[in-house]
């Protein structure tokens, strides 16, 4: 898909809540505001999520004795952000099927 086709395809998600996975492992969640010819995406009301470090996971496993101990991701509010298109590895959007019910769809 060339840049023009990708931009047109992405524009259908304006106003939708997206989760964007970046090449450095971060995930950004927010409302898509716009895109451009380089597939950069602007998100509003965005949060950044980072996977826990290996050390944090190791400590959680040791403390609980459970090899599949749940560990929370680190998050922070970042507001209005631009995610460069060249660093986007996956896009997910939330699709509401019934009032109050959300499902995630990977694009």
PDB file of N, CA and C in Angstrom:
ATOM      1  N   UNK A   1       0.863  -1.170   0.000  1.00  0.00           N
ATOM      2  CA  UNK A   1       0.000   0.000   0.000  1.00  0.00           C
ATOM      3  C   UNK A   1       0.911   1.234   0.000  1.00  0.00           C
ATOM      4  N   UNK A   2       0.700   2.153  -0.954  1.00  0.00           N
ATOM      5  CA  UNK A   2       1.521   3.353  -0.985  1.00  0.00           C
ATOM      6  C   UNK A   2       1.013   4.381   0.035  1.00  0.00           C
ATOM      7  N   UNK A   3       1.757   5.473   0.212  1.00  0.00           N
ATOM      8  CA  UNK A   3       1.412   6.468   1.237  1.00  0.00           C
ATOM      9  C   UNK A   3       0.034   7.076   1.029  1.00  0.00           C
ATOM     10  N   UNK A   4      -0.340   7.347  -0.213  1.00  0.00           N
ATOM     11  CA  UNK A   4      -1.647   7.956  -0.484  1.00  0.00           C
ATOM     12  C   UNK A   4      -2.785   7.015  -0.094  1.00  0.00           C
ATOM     13  N   UNK A   5      -2.670   5.752  -0.442  1.00  0.00           N
ATOM     14  CA  UNK A   5      -3.691   4.762  -0.081  1.00  0.00           C
ATOM     15  C   UNK A   5      -3.750   4.576   1.434  1.00  0.00           C
ATOM     16  N   UNK A   6      -2.585   4.533   2.069  1.00  0.00           N
ATOM     17  CA  UNK A   6      -2.535   4.360   3.526  1.00  0.00           C
ATOM     18  C   UNK A   6      -3.184   5.543   4.233  1.00  0.00           C
ATOM     19  N   UNK A   7      -2.904   6.753   3.761  1.00  0.00           N
ATOM     20  CA  UNK A   7      -3.493   7.951   4.361  1.00  0.00           C
ATOM     21  C   UNK A   7      -5.007   7.925   4.233  1.00  0.00           C
ATOM     22  N   UNK A   8      -5.510   7.573   3.052  1.00  0.00           N
ATOM     23  CA  UNK A   8      -6.954   7.490   2.840  1.00  0.00           C
ATOM     24  C   UNK A   8      -7.567   6.441   3.759  1.00  0.00           C
ATOM     25  N   UNK A   9      -6.930   5.270   3.859  1.00  0.00           N
ATOM     26  CA  UNK A   9      -7.435   4.187   4.699  1.00  0.00           C
ATOM     27  C   UNK A   9      -7.449   4.612   6.163  1.00  0.00           C
ATOM     28  N   UNK A  10      -6.373   5.253   6.634  1.00  0.00           N
ATOM     29  CA  UNK A  10      -6.294   5.680   8.031  1.00  0.00           C
ATOM     30  C   UNK A  10      -7.321   6.762   8.368  1.00  0.00           C
ATOM     31  N   UNK A  11      -7.669   7.600   7.396  1.00  0.00           N
ATOM     32  CA  UNK A  11      -8.585   8.714   7.665  1.00  0.00           C
ATOM     33  C   UNK A  11      -9.968   8.243   8.121  1.00  0.00           C
ATOM     34  N   UNK A  12     -10.342   7.009   7.838  1.00  0.00           N
ATOM     35  CA  UNK A  12     -11.652   6.498   8.282  1.00  0.00           C
ATOM     36  C   UNK A  12     -11.721   6.325   9.800  1.00  0.00           C
ATOM     37  N   UNK A  13     -10.569   6.361  10.482  1.00  0.00           N
ATOM     38  CA  UNK A  13     -10.533   6.160  11.926  1.00  0.00           C
ATOM     39  C   UNK A  13     -10.451   7.468  12.711  1.00  0.00           C
ATOM     40  N   UNK A  14     -10.586   8.601  12.025  1.00  0.00           N
ATOM     41  CA  UNK A  14     -10.570   9.890  12.714  1.00  0.00           C
ATOM     42  C   UNK A  14     -11.751   9.942  13.686  1.00  0.00           C
ATOM     43  N   UNK A  15     -11.454  10.330  14.929  1.00  0.00           N
ATOM     44  CA  UNK A  15     -12.470  10.403  15.973  1.00  0.00           C
ATOM     45  C   UNK A  15     -12.624   9.107  16.759  1.00  0.00           C
ATOM     46  N   UNK A  16     -11.970   8.049  16.315  1.00  0.00           N
ATOM     47  CA  UNK A  16     -12.053   6.748  17.002  1.00  0.00           C
ATOM     48  C   UNK A  16     -10.918   6.622  18.017  1.00  0.00           C
ATOM     49  N   UNK A  17     -11.144   5.792  19.039  1.00  0.00           N
ATOM     50  CA  UNK A  17     -10.098   5.511  20.025  1.00  0.00           C
ATOM     51  C   UNK A  17      -9.189   4.418  19.489  1.00  0.00           C
ATOM     52  N   UNK A  18      -7.891   4.725  19.454  1.00  0.00           N
ATOM     53  CA  UNK A  18      -6.901   3.806  18.920  1.00  0.00           C
ATOM     54  C   UNK A  18      -5.858   3.455  19.965  1.00  0.00           C
ATOM     55  N   UNK A  19      -5.239   2.308  19.777  1.00  0.00           N
ATOM     56  CA  UNK A  19      -4.012   1.942  20.485  1.00  0.00           C
ATOM     57  C   UNK A  19      -2.961   1.755  19.404  1.00  0.00           C
ATOM     58  N   UNK A  20      -1.874   2.495  19.522  1.00  0.00           N
ATOM     59  CA  UNK A  20      -0.814   2.436  18.524  1.00  0.00           C
ATOM     60  C   UNK A  20       0.436   1.865  19.176  1.00  0.00           C
ATOM     61  N   UNK A  21       0.968   0.804  18.581  1.00  0.00           N
ATOM     62  CA  UNK A  21       2.189   0.171  19.072  1.00  0.00           C
ATOM     63  C   UNK A  21       3.366   0.753  18.303  1.00  0.00           C
ATOM     64  N   UNK A  22       4.382   1.203  19.029  1.00  0.00           N
ATOM     65  CA  UNK A  22       5.563   1.807  18.415  1.00  0.00           C
ATOM     66  C   UNK A  22       6.716   0.812  18.369  1.00  0.00           C
ATOM     67  N   UNK A  23       7.674   1.083  17.502  1.00  0.00           N
ATOM     68  CA  UNK A  23       8.805   0.178  17.300  1.00  0.00           C
ATOM     69  C   UNK A  23       9.686   0.046  18.538  1.00  0.00           C
ATOM     70  N   UNK A  24       9.619   0.980  19.471  1.00  0.00           N
ATOM     71  CA  UNK A  24      10.427   0.892  20.696  1.00  0.00           C
ATOM     72  C   UNK A  24       9.699   0.173  21.832  1.00  0.00           C
ATOM     73  N   UNK A  25       8.534  -0.406  21.544  1.00  0.00           N
ATOM     74  CA  UNK A  25       7.803  -1.186  22.536  1.00  0.00           C
ATOM     75  C   UNK A  25       6.728  -0.421  23.290  1.00  0.00           C
ATOM     76  N   UNK A  26       6.690   0.894  23.149  1.00  0.00           N
ATOM     77  CA  UNK A  26       5.643   1.671  23.817  1.00  0.00           C
ATOM     78  C   UNK A  26       4.315   1.497  23.092  1.00  0.00           C
ATOM     79  N   UNK A  27       3.233   1.728  23.832  1.00  0.00           N
ATOM     80  CA  UNK A  27       1.888   1.700  23.271  1.00  0.00           C
ATOM     81  C   UNK A  27       1.226   3.015  23.650  1.00  0.00           C
ATOM     82  N   UNK A  28       0.581   3.658  22.674  1.00  0.00           N
ATOM     83  CA  UNK A  28      -0.122   4.910  22.921  1.00  0.00           C
ATOM     84  C   UNK A  28      -1.608   4.679  22.685  1.00  0.00           C
ATOM     85  N   UNK A  29      -2.432   5.137  23.610  1.00  0.00           N
ATOM     86  CA  UNK A  29      -3.878   5.028  23.463  1.00  0.00           C
ATOM     87  C   UNK A  29      -4.491   6.403  23.503  1.00  0.00           C
ATOM     88  N   UNK A  30      -5.369   6.707  22.558  1.00  0.00           N
ATOM     89  CA  UNK A  30      -6.027   8.011  22.530  1.00  0.00           C
ATOM     90  C   UNK A  30      -6.965   8.112  21.342  1.00  0.00           C
ATOM     91  N   UNK A  31      -7.543   9.300  21.192  1.00  0.00           N
ATOM     92  CA  UNK A  31      -8.499   9.542  20.117  1.00  0.00           C
ATOM     93  C   UNK A  31      -7.759  10.096  18.899  1.00  0.00           C
ATOM     94  N   UNK A  32      -7.911   9.428  17.756  1.00  0.00           N
ATOM     95  CA  UNK A  32      -7.238   9.875  16.540  1.00  0.00           C
ATOM     96  C   UNK A  32      -7.835  11.179  16.059  1.00  0.00           C
ATOM     97  N   UNK A  33      -6.961  12.145  15.788  1.00  0.00           N
ATOM     98  CA  UNK A  33      -7.400  13.449  15.287  1.00  0.00           C
ATOM     99  C   UNK A  33      -7.113  13.624  13.810  1.00  0.00           C
ATOM    100  N   UNK A  34      -5.937  13.184  13.359  1.00  0.00           N
ATOM    101  CA  UNK A  34      -5.635  13.297  11.932  1.00  0.00           C
ATOM    102  C   UNK A  34      -4.418  12.462  11.569  1.00  0.00           C
ATOM    103  N   UNK A  35      -4.185  12.361  10.264  1.00  0.00           N
ATOM    104  CA  UNK A  35      -3.014  11.696   9.719  1.00  0.00           C
ATOM    105  C   UNK A  35      -2.528  12.528   8.538  1.00  0.00           C
ATOM    106  N   UNK A  36      -1.367  12.194   7.995  1.00  0.00           N
ATOM    107  CA  UNK A  36      -0.843  12.927   6.843  1.00  0.00           C
ATOM    108  C   UNK A  36      -0.264  11.953   5.831  1.00  0.00           C
ATOM    109  N   UNK A  37       0.362  12.513   4.794  1.00  0.00           N
ATOM    110  CA  UNK A  37       0.874  11.670   3.708  1.00  0.00           C
ATOM    111  C   UNK A  37       1.986  10.726   4.150  1.00  0.00           C
ATOM    112  N   UNK A  38       2.632  11.016   5.272  1.00  0.00           N
ATOM    113  CA  UNK A  38       3.703  10.157   5.788  1.00  0.00           C
ATOM    114  C   UNK A  38       3.197   9.159   6.818  1.00  0.00           C
ATOM    115  N   UNK A  39       1.885   9.056   6.978  1.00  0.00           N
ATOM    116  CA  UNK A  39       1.220   8.133   7.898  1.00  0.00           C
ATOM    117  C   UNK A  39       1.491   8.453   9.370  1.00  0.00           C
ATOM    118  N   UNK A  40       1.921   9.698   9.650  1.00  0.00           N
ATOM    119  CA  UNK A  40       2.012  10.131  11.045  1.00  0.00           C
ATOM    120  C   UNK A  40       0.594  10.220  11.572  1.00  0.00           C
ATOM    121  N   UNK A  41       0.405   9.921  12.848  1.00  0.00           N
ATOM    122  CA  UNK A  41      -0.929   9.969  13.443  1.00  0.00           C
ATOM    123  C   UNK A  41      -0.896  10.863  14.665  1.00  0.00           C
ATOM    124  N   UNK A  42      -1.874  11.761  14.764  1.00  0.00           N
ATOM    125  CA  UNK A  42      -2.019  12.619  15.941  1.00  0.00           C
ATOM    126  C   UNK A  42      -3.130  12.047  16.804  1.00  0.00           C
ATOM    127  N   UNK A  43      -2.802  11.834  18.085  1.00  0.00           N
ATOM    128  CA  UNK A  43      -3.770  11.354  19.070  1.00  0.00           C
ATOM    129  C   UNK A  43      -4.012  12.432  20.110  1.00  0.00           C
ATOM    130  N   UNK A  44      -5.269  12.607  20.508  1.00  0.00           N
ATOM    131  CA  UNK A  44      -5.635  13.524  21.589  1.00  0.00           C
ATOM    132  C   UNK A  44      -6.017  12.698  22.819  1.00  0.00           C
ATOM    133  N   UNK A  45      -5.929  13.314  23.982  1.00  0.00           N
ATOM    134  CA  UNK A  45      -6.284  12.661  25.242  1.00  0.00           C
ATOM    135  C   UNK A  45      -5.525  11.343  25.383  1.00  0.00           C
ATOM    136  N   UNK A  46      -4.256  11.369  25.004  1.00  0.00           N
ATOM    137  CA  UNK A  46      -3.467  10.146  24.895  1.00  0.00           C
ATOM    138  C   UNK A  46      -2.749   9.764  26.188  1.00  0.00           C
ATOM    139  N   UNK A  47      -2.571   8.460  26.346  1.00  0.00           N
ATOM    140  CA  UNK A  47      -1.771   7.880  27.424  1.00  0.00           C
ATOM    141  C   UNK A  47      -0.656   7.056  26.787  1.00  0.00           C
ATOM    142  N   UNK A  48       0.490   7.044  27.445  1.00  0.00           N
ATOM    143  CA  UNK A  48       1.615   6.232  27.013  1.00  0.00           C
ATOM    144  C   UNK A  48       1.734   5.054  27.975  1.00  0.00           C
ATOM    145  N   UNK A  49       1.949   3.870  27.438  1.00  0.00           N
ATOM    146  CA  UNK A  49       2.098   2.667  28.252  1.00  0.00           C
ATOM    147  C   UNK A  49       3.442   2.025  27.926  1.00  0.00           C
ATOM    148  N   UNK A  50       4.166   1.638  28.983  1.00  0.00           N
ATOM    149  CA  UNK A  50       5.451   0.952  28.818  1.00  0.00           C
ATOM    150  C   UNK A  50       5.402  -0.380  29.555  1.00  0.00           C
ATOM    151  N   UNK A  51       5.951  -1.386  28.920  1.00  0.00           N
ATOM    152  CA  UNK A  51       6.003  -2.711  29.542  1.00  0.00           C
ATOM    153  C   UNK A  51       6.921  -2.652  30.761  1.00  0.00           C
ATOM    154  N   UNK A  52       6.625  -3.439  31.769  1.00  0.00           N
ATOM    155  CA  UNK A  52       7.497  -3.456  32.951  1.00  0.00           C
ATOM    156  C   UNK A  52       8.871  -4.019  32.589  1.00  0.00           C
ATOM    157  N   UNK A  53       9.880  -3.567  33.325  1.00  0.00           N
ATOM    158  CA  UNK A  53      11.241  -4.042  33.075  1.00  0.00           C
ATOM    159  C   UNK A  53      11.372  -5.513  33.483  1.00  0.00           C
ATOM    160  N   UNK A  54      12.402  -6.147  32.969  1.00  0.00           N
ATOM    161  CA  UNK A  54      12.660  -7.549  33.314  1.00  0.00           C
ATOM    162  C   UNK A  54      12.880  -7.694  34.814  1.00  0.00           C
ATOM    163  N   UNK A  55      13.524  -6.704  35.429  1.00  0.00           N
ATOM    164  CA  UNK A  55      13.775  -6.733  36.873  1.00  0.00           C
ATOM    165  C   UNK A  55      12.460  -6.682  37.664  1.00  0.00           C
ATOM    166  N   UNK A  56      11.529  -5.838  37.234  1.00  0.00           N
ATOM    167  CA  UNK A  56      10.220  -5.735  37.896  1.00  0.00           C
ATOM    168  C   UNK A  56       9.462  -7.057  37.789  1.00  0.00           C
ATOM    169  N   UNK A  57       9.504  -7.666  36.625  1.00  0.00           N
ATOM    170  CA  UNK A  57       8.826  -8.955  36.425  1.00  0.00           C
ATOM    171  C   UNK A  57       9.461 -10.024  37.309  1.00  0.00           C
ATOM    172  N   UNK A  58      10.790 -10.055  37.344  1.00  0.00           N
ATOM    173  CA  UNK A  58      11.504 -11.036  38.162  1.00  0.00           C
ATOM    174  C   UNK A  58      11.128 -10.903  39.636  1.00  0.00           C
ATOM    175  N   UNK A  59      11.082  -9.661  40.134  1.00  0.00           N
ATOM    176  CA  UNK A  59      10.719  -9.422  41.539  1.00  0.00           C
ATOM    177  C   UNK A  59       9.294  -9.885  41.826  1.00  0.00           C
ATOM    178  N   UNK A  60       8.365  -9.592  40.914  1.00  0.00           N
ATOM    179  CA  UNK A  60       6.970  -9.997  41.104  1.00  0.00           C
ATOM    180  C   UNK A  60       6.840 -11.515  41.165  1.00  0.00           C
ATOM    181  N   UNK A  61       7.590 -12.204  40.321  1.00  0.00           N
ATOM    182  CA  UNK A  61       7.550 -13.674  40.306  1.00  0.00           C
ATOM    183  C   UNK A  61       8.141 -14.224  41.601  1.00  0.00           C
ATOM    184  N   UNK A  62       9.266 -13.644  42.033  1.00  0.00           N
ATOM    185  CA  UNK A  62       9.894 -14.107  43.275  1.00  0.00           C
ATOM    186  C   UNK A  62       8.993 -13.882  44.484  1.00  0.00           C
ATOM    187  N   UNK A  63       8.365 -12.707  44.554  1.00  0.00           N
ATOM    188  CA  UNK A  63       7.516 -12.366  45.703  1.00  0.00           C
ATOM    189  C   UNK A  63       6.261 -13.218  45.761  1.00  0.00           C
ATOM    190  N   UNK A  64       5.691 -13.527  44.605  1.00  0.00           N
ATOM    191  CA  UNK A  64       4.440 -14.272  44.590  1.00  0.00           C
ATOM    192  C   UNK A  64       4.658 -15.784  44.516  1.00  0.00           C
ATOM    193  N   UNK A  65       5.808 -16.192  44.008  1.00  0.00           N
ATOM    194  CA  UNK A  65       6.053 -17.615  43.798  1.00  0.00           C
ATOM    195  C   UNK A  65       5.291 -18.165  42.608  1.00  0.00           C
ATOM    196  N   UNK A  66       4.642 -17.296  41.854  1.00  0.00           N
ATOM    197  CA  UNK A  66       3.827 -17.671  40.702  1.00  0.00           C
ATOM    198  C   UNK A  66       4.544 -17.230  39.422  1.00  0.00           C
ATOM    199  N   UNK A  67       4.938 -18.152  38.541  1.00  0.00           N
ATOM    200  CA  UNK A  67       5.659 -17.765  37.322  1.00  0.00           C
ATOM    201  C   UNK A  67       4.819 -16.927  36.348  1.00  0.00           C
ATOM    202  N   UNK A  68       3.514 -16.905  36.551  1.00  0.00           N
ATOM    203  CA  UNK A  68       2.673 -16.064  35.687  1.00  0.00           C
ATOM    204  C   UNK A  68       2.022 -14.945  36.510  1.00  0.00           C
ATOM    205  N   UNK A  69       2.778 -14.396  37.442  1.00  0.00           N
ATOM    206  CA  UNK A  69       2.276 -13.311  38.296  1.00  0.00           C
ATOM    207  C   UNK A  69       1.936 -12.079  37.440  1.00  0.00           C
ATOM    208  N   UNK A  70       0.786 -11.464  37.675  1.00  0.00           N
ATOM    209  CA  UNK A  70       0.432 -10.267  36.906  1.00  0.00           C
ATOM    210  C   UNK A  70       1.306  -9.084  37.310  1.00  0.00           C
ATOM    211  N   UNK A  71       1.749  -8.322  36.317  1.00  0.00           N
ATOM    212  CA  UNK A  71       2.567  -7.133  36.543  1.00  0.00           C
ATOM    213  C   UNK A  71       1.960  -6.008  35.717  1.00  0.00           C
ATOM    214  N   UNK A  72       1.713  -4.871  36.345  1.00  0.00           N
ATOM    215  CA  UNK A  72       1.092  -3.736  35.652  1.00  0.00           C
ATOM    216  C   UNK A  72       2.086  -3.025  34.740  1.00  0.00           C
ATOM    217  N   UNK A  73       1.574  -2.522  33.643  1.00  0.00           N
ATOM    218  CA  UNK A  73       2.375  -1.680  32.767  1.00  0.00           C
ATOM    219  C   UNK A  73       2.455  -0.296  33.388  1.00  0.00           C
ATOM    220  N   UNK A  74       3.538   0.412  33.125  1.00  0.00           N
ATOM    221  CA  UNK A  74       3.678   1.796  33.563  1.00  0.00           C
ATOM    222  C   UNK A  74       2.905   2.674  32.594  1.00  0.00           C
ATOM    223  N   UNK A  75       2.191   3.667  33.106  1.00  0.00           N
ATOM    224  CA  UNK A  75       1.440   4.546  32.209  1.00  0.00           C
ATOM    225  C   UNK A  75       1.550   5.993  32.676  1.00  0.00           C
ATOM    226  N   UNK A  76       1.361   6.887  31.714  1.00  0.00           N
ATOM    227  CA  UNK A  76       1.311   8.314  32.034  1.00  0.00           C
ATOM    228  C   UNK A  76       0.472   9.011  30.977  1.00  0.00           C
ATOM    229  N   UNK A  77      -0.157  10.106  31.399  1.00  0.00           N
ATOM    230  CA  UNK A  77      -0.959  10.914  30.484  1.00  0.00           C
ATOM    231  C   UNK A  77      -0.021  11.815  29.698  1.00  0.00           C
ATOM    232  N   UNK A  78      -0.134  11.804  28.372  1.00  0.00           N
ATOM    233  CA  UNK A  78       0.734  12.645  27.546  1.00  0.00           C
ATOM    234  C   UNK A  78      -0.042  13.684  26.734  1.00  0.00           C
ATOM    235  N   UNK A  79      -1.367  13.625  26.725  1.00  0.00           N
ATOM    236  CA  UNK A  79      -2.173  14.647  26.055  1.00  0.00           C
ATOM    237  C   UNK A  79      -2.212  14.484  24.548  1.00  0.00           C
ATOM    238  N   UNK A  80      -1.796  15.540  23.830  1.00  0.00           N
ATOM    239  CA  UNK A  80      -1.825  15.558  22.369  1.00  0.00           C
ATOM    240  C   UNK A  80      -0.446  15.167  21.850  1.00  0.00           C
ATOM    241  N   UNK A  81      -0.372  14.096  21.053  1.00  0.00           N
ATOM    242  CA  UNK A  81       0.930  13.616  20.581  1.00  0.00           C
ATOM    243  C   UNK A  81       0.896  13.281  19.097  1.00  0.00           C
ATOM    244  N   UNK A  82       2.077  13.281  18.501  1.00  0.00           N
ATOM    245  CA  UNK A  82       2.259  12.815  17.126  1.00  0.00           C
ATOM    246  C   UNK A  82       3.070  11.526  17.192  1.00  0.00           C
ATOM    247  N   UNK A  83       2.542  10.470  16.609  1.00  0.00           N
ATOM    248  CA  UNK A  83       3.284   9.207  16.513  1.00  0.00           C
ATOM    249  C   UNK A  83       3.784   9.116  15.072  1.00  0.00           C
ATOM    250  N   UNK A  84       5.114   9.139  14.883  1.00  0.00           N
ATOM    251  CA  UNK A  84       5.655   9.077  13.516  1.00  0.00           C
ATOM    252  C   UNK A  84       5.278   7.777  12.819  1.00  0.00           C
ATOM    253  N   UNK A  85       4.786   7.894  11.587  1.00  0.00           N
ATOM    254  CA  UNK A  85       4.354   6.728  10.828  1.00  0.00           C
ATOM    255  C   UNK A  85       5.419   5.666  10.679  1.00  0.00           C
ATOM    256  N   UNK A  86       6.676   6.074  10.567  1.00  0.00           N
ATOM    257  CA  UNK A  86       7.761   5.105  10.376  1.00  0.00           C
ATOM    258  C   UNK A  86       7.994   4.234  11.608  1.00  0.00           C
ATOM    259  N   UNK A  87       7.472   4.654  12.769  1.00  0.00           N
ATOM    260  CA  UNK A  87       7.661   3.894  14.006  1.00  0.00           C
ATOM    261  C   UNK A  87       6.433   3.102  14.430  1.00  0.00           C
ATOM    262  N   UNK A  88       5.358   3.175  13.653  1.00  0.00           N
ATOM    263  CA  UNK A  88       4.132   2.456  13.994  1.00  0.00           C
ATOM    264  C   UNK A  88       4.250   1.008  13.529  1.00  0.00           C
ATOM    265  N   UNK A  89       4.062   0.067  14.476  1.00  0.00           N
ATOM    266  CA  UNK A  89       4.150  -1.353  14.122  1.00  0.00           C
ATOM    267  C   UNK A  89       2.775  -2.025  14.092  1.00  0.00           C
ATOM    268  N   UNK A  90       1.830  -1.508  14.858  1.00  0.00           N
ATOM    269  CA  UNK A  90       0.484  -2.091  14.900  1.00  0.00           C
ATOM    270  C   UNK A  90      -0.491  -1.023  15.365  1.00  0.00           C
ATOM    271  N   UNK A  91      -1.704  -1.069  14.813  1.00  0.00           N
ATOM    272  CA  UNK A  91      -2.773  -0.152  15.212  1.00  0.00           C
ATOM    273  C   UNK A  91      -3.977  -0.989  15.603  1.00  0.00           C
ATOM    274  N   UNK A  92      -4.584  -0.666  16.755  1.00  0.00           N
ATOM    275  CA  UNK A  92      -5.817  -1.312  17.195  1.00  0.00           C
ATOM    276  C   UNK A  92      -6.839  -0.216  17.456  1.00  0.00           C
ATOM    277  N   UNK A  93      -8.098  -0.507  17.200  1.00  0.00           N
ATOM    278  CA  UNK A  93      -9.127   0.461  17.580  1.00  0.00           C
ATOM    279  C   UNK A  93     -10.209  -0.238  18.379  1.00  0.00           C
ATOM    280  N   UNK A  94     -10.860   0.576  19.233  1.00  0.00           N
ATOM    281  CA  UNK A  94     -11.940   0.039  20.047  1.00  0.00           C
ATOM    282  C   UNK A  94     -13.241   0.247  19.314  1.00  0.00           C
ATOM    283  N   UNK A  95     -13.965  -0.847  19.167  1.00  0.00           N
ATOM    284  CA  UNK A  95     -15.239  -0.817  18.468  1.00  0.00           C
ATOM    285  C   UNK A  95     -16.334  -1.152  19.455  1.00  0.00           C
ATOM    286  N   UNK A  96     -17.291  -0.262  19.619  1.00  0.00           N
ATOM    287  CA  UNK A  96     -18.386  -0.510  20.547  1.00  0.00           C
ATOM    288  C   UNK A  96     -19.492  -1.246  19.810  1.00  0.00           C
ATOM    289  N   UNK A  97     -19.844  -2.433  20.313  1.00  0.00           N
ATOM    290  CA  UNK A  97     -20.888  -3.224  19.666  1.00  0.00           C
ATOM    291  C   UNK A  97     -22.248  -2.990  20.313  1.00  0.00           C
ATOM    292  N   UNK A  98     -22.270  -2.804  21.606  1.00  0.00           N
ATOM    293  CA  UNK A  98     -23.480  -2.489  22.347  1.00  0.00           C
ATOM    294  C   UNK A  98     -23.147  -1.386  23.329  1.00  0.00           C
ATOM    295  N   UNK A  99     -24.125  -0.584  23.756  1.00  0.00           N
ATOM    296  CA  UNK A  99     -23.820   0.462  24.729  1.00  0.00           C
ATOM    297  C   UNK A  99     -23.107  -0.116  25.950  1.00  0.00           C
ATOM    298  N   UNK A 100     -21.972   0.471  26.289  1.00  0.00           N
ATOM    299  CA  UNK A 100     -21.226   0.042  27.450  1.00  0.00           C
ATOM    300  C   UNK A 100     -20.327  -1.170  27.216  1.00  0.00           C
ATOM    301  N   UNK A 101     -20.352  -1.742  26.006  1.00  0.00           N
ATOM    302  CA  UNK A 101     -19.529  -2.912  25.716  1.00  0.00           C
ATOM    303  C   UNK A 101     -18.511  -2.538  24.642  1.00  0.00           C
ATOM    304  N   UNK A 102     -17.234  -2.820  24.907  1.00  0.00           N
ATOM    305  CA  UNK A 102     -16.188  -2.509  23.953  1.00  0.00           C
ATOM    306  C   UNK A 102     -15.457  -3.767  23.537  1.00  0.00           C
ATOM    307  N   UNK A 103     -15.001  -3.791  22.317  1.00  0.00           N
ATOM    308  CA  UNK A 103     -14.161  -4.885  21.864  1.00  0.00           C
ATOM    309  C   UNK A 103     -12.994  -4.277  21.111  1.00  0.00           C
ATOM    310  N   UNK A 104     -11.874  -4.953  21.087  1.00  0.00           N
ATOM    311  CA  UNK A 104     -10.683  -4.462  20.424  1.00  0.00           C
ATOM    312  C   UNK A 104     -10.500  -5.183  19.106  1.00  0.00           C
ATOM    313  N   UNK A 105     -10.152  -4.422  18.071  1.00  0.00           N
ATOM    314  CA  UNK A 105      -9.919  -4.989  16.754  1.00  0.00           C
ATOM    315  C   UNK A 105      -8.534  -4.547  16.296  1.00  0.00           C
ATOM    316  N   UNK A 106      -7.723  -5.500  15.855  1.00  0.00           N
ATOM    317  CA  UNK A 106      -6.389  -5.188  15.358  1.00  0.00           C
ATOM    318  C   UNK A 106      -6.457  -4.919  13.870  1.00  0.00           C
ATOM    319  N   UNK A 107      -5.802  -3.835  13.461  1.00  0.00           N
ATOM    320  CA  UNK A 107      -5.809  -3.465  12.040  1.00  0.00           C
ATOM    321  C   UNK A 107      -4.575  -4.006  11.358  1.00  0.00           C
TER     322      UNK A 107
END
